[in-house]
Amino acid sequence: MNEIRKFIENITPMSNADWQFFSSKLQKVELKKHAVLLKYGKVENYMSFITKGIVRFYVPGEESDLTFGFLFENEFVTAYDSFLTRTPSEYQIEPLTDTILWRISHQDLEEVYESTSSGNIIGRKMAEKMFLIKSKRELSLLSKTAEQRYLDLFSDRPKLLQQIPLKYIASYIGVTPQALSRIRRRIT
């Protein structure tokens, strides 16, 4: 839980009383690799912080899944659109490795926003961060080649990418696994 406090303190200072209230609402969850964190068609009820592991976001397909995001240790994970609107998710979230999360329910997070002085600031800053990640991803898909997207992903997280199957990386950058193999051969 110290990782979460440290992460939050980097966003904005949180009093001990606010931290005690917030941390009392957190639940620790341990998930095995490929367990379902959120199933397609279900409403997202939690905002989670990853203390160990890697998760992916994907749209399940009949022939293959469409991976559109990865999150790593010391990041928040949620189907934020479903979490906010209380509507069913149009995608799934699964751990790619054994994963440890600390999560807070939608209802408990609303209580944190109402009862603490720093809760709303943290919520706003997290929403801004999620927006910036999404904008960066969209601009990357519109303006960069698959090779550039792969290099960006590789430069951001070189060691962690070794834990992600190539078929998911290929899907994420918008190419087939065979095209990714050609890209990797070209740049090595």
Protein backbone atom coordinates (compact mmCIF):
# COMPACT_ATOMS: atom_id res chain seq x y z
CA MET A 1 0.00 0.00 0.00
CA ASN A 2 3.00 2.29 0.39
CA GLU A 3 3.34 2.40 -3.40
CA ILE A 4 -0.13 3.93 -3.67
CA ARG A 5 0.57 6.59 -1.06
CA LYS A 6 3.85 7.47 -2.75
CA PHE A 7 2.10 7.67 -6.13
CA ILE A 8 -0.64 9.91 -4.72
CA GLU A 9 1.84 12.14 -2.89
CA ASN A 10 3.49 12.81 -6.26
CA ILE A 11 0.13 14.11 -7.50
CA THR A 12 -0.82 16.19 -4.46
CA PRO A 13 -0.12 16.06 -0.74
CA MET A 14 -2.62 14.01 1.25
CA SER A 15 -3.12 14.50 4.98
CA ASN A 16 -2.79 11.51 7.27
CA ALA A 17 -6.51 11.68 8.04
CA ASP A 18 -7.41 11.68 4.32
CA TRP A 19 -4.98 8.81 3.71
CA GLN A 20 -6.46 6.79 6.57
CA PHE A 21 -9.97 7.28 5.20
CA PHE A 22 -8.93 6.46 1.63
CA SER A 23 -6.76 3.45 2.51
CA SER A 24 -9.53 1.99 4.70
CA LYS A 25 -11.59 1.64 1.51
CA LEU A 26 -8.92 -0.30 -0.42
CA GLN A 27 -9.09 -4.06 -1.02
CA LYS A 28 -6.11 -6.17 -2.03
CA VAL A 29 -6.77 -8.51 -4.96
CA GLU A 30 -4.39 -11.13 -6.34
CA LEU A 31 -5.05 -12.41 -9.85
CA LYS A 32 -3.44 -15.20 -11.81
CA LYS A 33 -2.17 -14.67 -15.34
CA HIS A 34 -5.09 -14.50 -17.84
CA ALA A 35 -7.79 -14.30 -15.15
CA VAL A 36 -10.52 -11.88 -16.20
CA LEU A 37 -10.32 -8.55 -14.40
CA LEU A 38 -13.31 -7.13 -16.27
CA LYS A 39 -15.50 -9.10 -18.66
CA TYR A 40 -17.01 -7.65 -21.82
CA GLY A 41 -20.59 -6.49 -21.12
CA LYS A 42 -20.09 -5.98 -17.38
CA VAL A 43 -20.12 -2.63 -15.59
CA GLU A 44 -16.76 -1.56 -14.17
CA ASN A 45 -17.16 -1.20 -10.42
CA TYR A 46 -13.55 -0.60 -9.39
CA MET A 47 -10.60 1.71 -9.80
CA SER A 48 -7.48 -0.38 -9.16
CA PHE A 49 -3.80 0.35 -8.59
CA ILE A 50 -1.30 -2.21 -9.92
CA THR A 51 1.46 -2.99 -7.42
CA LYS A 52 2.69 -6.01 -9.36
CA GLY A 53 1.98 -7.19 -12.89
CA ILE A 54 0.92 -6.19 -16.38
CA VAL A 55 -2.63 -5.96 -17.69
CA ARG A 56 -4.01 -5.56 -21.19
CA PHE A 57 -7.19 -4.00 -22.57
CA TYR A 58 -8.77 -5.75 -25.53
CA VAL A 59 -11.89 -6.20 -27.59
CA PRO A 60 -12.61 -9.93 -27.84
CA GLY A 61 -12.98 -11.16 -31.40
CA GLU A 62 -14.15 -14.37 -33.01
CA GLU A 63 -10.85 -14.97 -34.80
CA SER A 64 -8.52 -12.76 -32.78
CA ASP A 65 -8.65 -10.13 -30.07
CA LEU A 66 -7.88 -6.47 -30.67
CA THR A 67 -5.45 -5.28 -27.99
CA PHE A 68 -5.53 -1.53 -27.45
CA GLY A 69 -3.74 -0.92 -24.18
CA PHE A 70 -1.26 -2.13 -21.60
CA LEU A 71 -0.81 -0.95 -18.03
CA PHE A 72 2.06 -1.74 -15.70
CA GLU A 73 3.11 -1.56 -12.06
CA ASN A 74 2.41 1.73 -10.28
CA GLU A 75 -0.43 2.67 -12.61
CA PHE A 76 -4.19 2.81 -12.15
CA VAL A 77 -6.34 0.41 -14.15
CA THR A 78 -10.06 0.65 -14.83
CA ALA A 79 -12.51 0.64 -17.71
CA TYR A 80 -12.91 4.32 -17.00
CA ASP A 81 -15.73 4.96 -19.46
CA SER A 82 -17.82 2.17 -17.90
CA PHE A 83 -16.76 3.25 -14.39
CA LEU A 84 -17.98 6.81 -14.98
CA THR A 85 -21.17 6.11 -16.94
CA ARG A 86 -22.16 2.92 -15.05
CA THR A 87 -22.80 1.23 -18.42
CA PRO A 88 -21.50 -2.15 -19.66
CA SER A 89 -17.93 -2.24 -20.92
CA GLU A 90 -17.31 -2.86 -24.60
CA TYR A 91 -13.95 -4.47 -23.88
CA GLN A 92 -12.20 -6.76 -21.43
CA ILE A 93 -9.26 -6.36 -19.10
CA GLU A 94 -6.97 -9.26 -18.20
CA PRO A 95 -3.65 -9.69 -16.40
CA LEU A 96 -0.81 -10.90 -18.62
CA THR A 97 1.19 -11.89 -15.55
CA ASP A 98 0.30 -12.78 -11.99
CA THR A 99 -0.93 -9.44 -10.70
CA ILE A 100 -1.55 -7.72 -7.37
CA LEU A 101 -4.03 -4.84 -7.25
CA TRP A 102 -5.39 -2.55 -4.59
CA ARG A 103 -8.88 -1.49 -5.59
CA ILE A 104 -11.60 0.87 -4.47
CA SER A 105 -15.26 0.58 -5.43
CA HIS A 106 -17.12 3.27 -7.31
CA GLN A 107 -19.30 3.98 -4.26
CA ASP A 108 -16.30 4.17 -1.90
CA LEU A 109 -14.44 6.48 -4.28
CA GLU A 110 -17.45 8.79 -4.35
CA GLU A 111 -17.28 8.87 -0.51
CA VAL A 112 -13.57 9.74 -0.70
CA TYR A 113 -14.38 12.61 -3.07
CA GLU A 114 -17.07 13.91 -0.70
CA SER A 115 -15.22 13.39 2.60
CA THR A 116 -11.61 14.37 1.94
CA SER A 117 -9.96 17.61 0.96
CA SER A 118 -7.56 16.01 -1.52
CA GLY A 119 -9.86 13.38 -3.08
CA ASN A 120 -11.26 15.59 -5.84
CA ILE A 121 -7.82 16.89 -6.78
CA ILE A 122 -6.48 13.35 -7.08
CA GLY A 123 -9.53 12.26 -9.08
CA ARG A 124 -9.17 15.18 -11.47
CA LYS A 125 -5.43 14.60 -11.93
CA MET A 126 -5.99 10.88 -12.61
CA ALA A 127 -8.72 11.68 -15.16
CA GLU A 128 -6.36 14.15 -16.85
CA LYS A 129 -3.60 11.53 -16.96
CA MET A 130 -5.96 8.94 -18.50
CA PHE A 131 -7.08 11.50 -21.07
CA LEU A 132 -3.46 12.27 -22.03
CA ILE A 133 -2.63 8.56 -22.41
CA LYS A 134 -5.68 8.08 -24.64
CA SER A 135 -4.86 11.17 -26.73
CA LYS A 136 -1.26 10.04 -27.19
CA ARG A 137 -2.46 6.60 -28.32
CA GLU A 138 -4.95 8.08 -30.81
CA LEU A 139 -2.39 10.49 -32.27
CA SER A 140 0.13 7.66 -32.55
CA LEU A 141 -2.34 5.55 -34.54
CA LEU A 142 -3.11 8.48 -36.84
CA SER A 143 0.36 9.90 -37.40
CA LYS A 144 2.99 7.20 -36.88
CA THR A 145 3.96 4.06 -38.70
CA ALA A 146 3.67 0.66 -37.07
CA GLU A 147 7.45 0.61 -36.74
CA GLN A 148 7.45 3.97 -34.95
CA ARG A 149 4.68 2.77 -32.61
CA TYR A 150 6.69 -0.36 -31.82
CA LEU A 151 9.85 1.67 -31.16
CA ASP A 152 7.92 4.06 -28.91
CA LEU A 153 6.47 1.17 -26.92
CA PHE A 154 9.86 -0.51 -26.73
CA SER A 155 11.67 2.66 -25.60
CA ASP A 156 9.03 3.33 -22.92
CA ARG A 157 9.14 -0.16 -21.36
CA PRO A 158 11.90 -2.37 -22.82
CA LYS A 159 12.16 -4.90 -19.99
CA LEU A 160 8.44 -5.21 -19.41
CA LEU A 161 7.72 -5.83 -23.08
CA GLN A 162 9.69 -9.06 -22.84
CA GLN A 163 6.80 -10.37 -20.71
CA ILE A 164 4.10 -9.56 -23.28
CA PRO A 165 3.39 -12.11 -26.03
CA LEU A 166 4.24 -10.77 -29.48
CA LYS A 167 0.70 -11.39 -30.78
CA TYR A 168 -0.61 -8.79 -28.28
CA ILE A 169 2.11 -6.28 -29.18
CA ALA A 170 1.32 -6.78 -32.88
CA SER A 171 -2.37 -6.19 -32.26
CA TYR A 172 -1.58 -3.10 -30.17
CA ILE A 173 0.50 -1.47 -32.90
CA GLY A 174 -2.02 -2.49 -35.56
CA VAL A 175 -0.17 -5.18 -37.52
CA THR A 176 -0.17 -8.94 -37.91
CA PRO A 177 2.35 -11.00 -35.91
CA GLN A 178 4.18 -11.69 -39.20
CA ALA A 179 4.49 -7.96 -39.95
CA LEU A 180 5.80 -7.39 -36.42
CA SER A 181 8.45 -10.07 -37.01
CA ARG A 182 9.56 -8.21 -40.15
CA ILE A 183 9.69 -4.91 -38.22
CA ARG A 184 11.78 -6.51 -35.48
CA ARG A 185 14.19 -8.04 -38.01
CA ARG A 186 14.56 -4.68 -39.75
CA ILE A 187 15.46 -2.76 -36.57
CA THR A 188 17.85 -5.31 -35.04
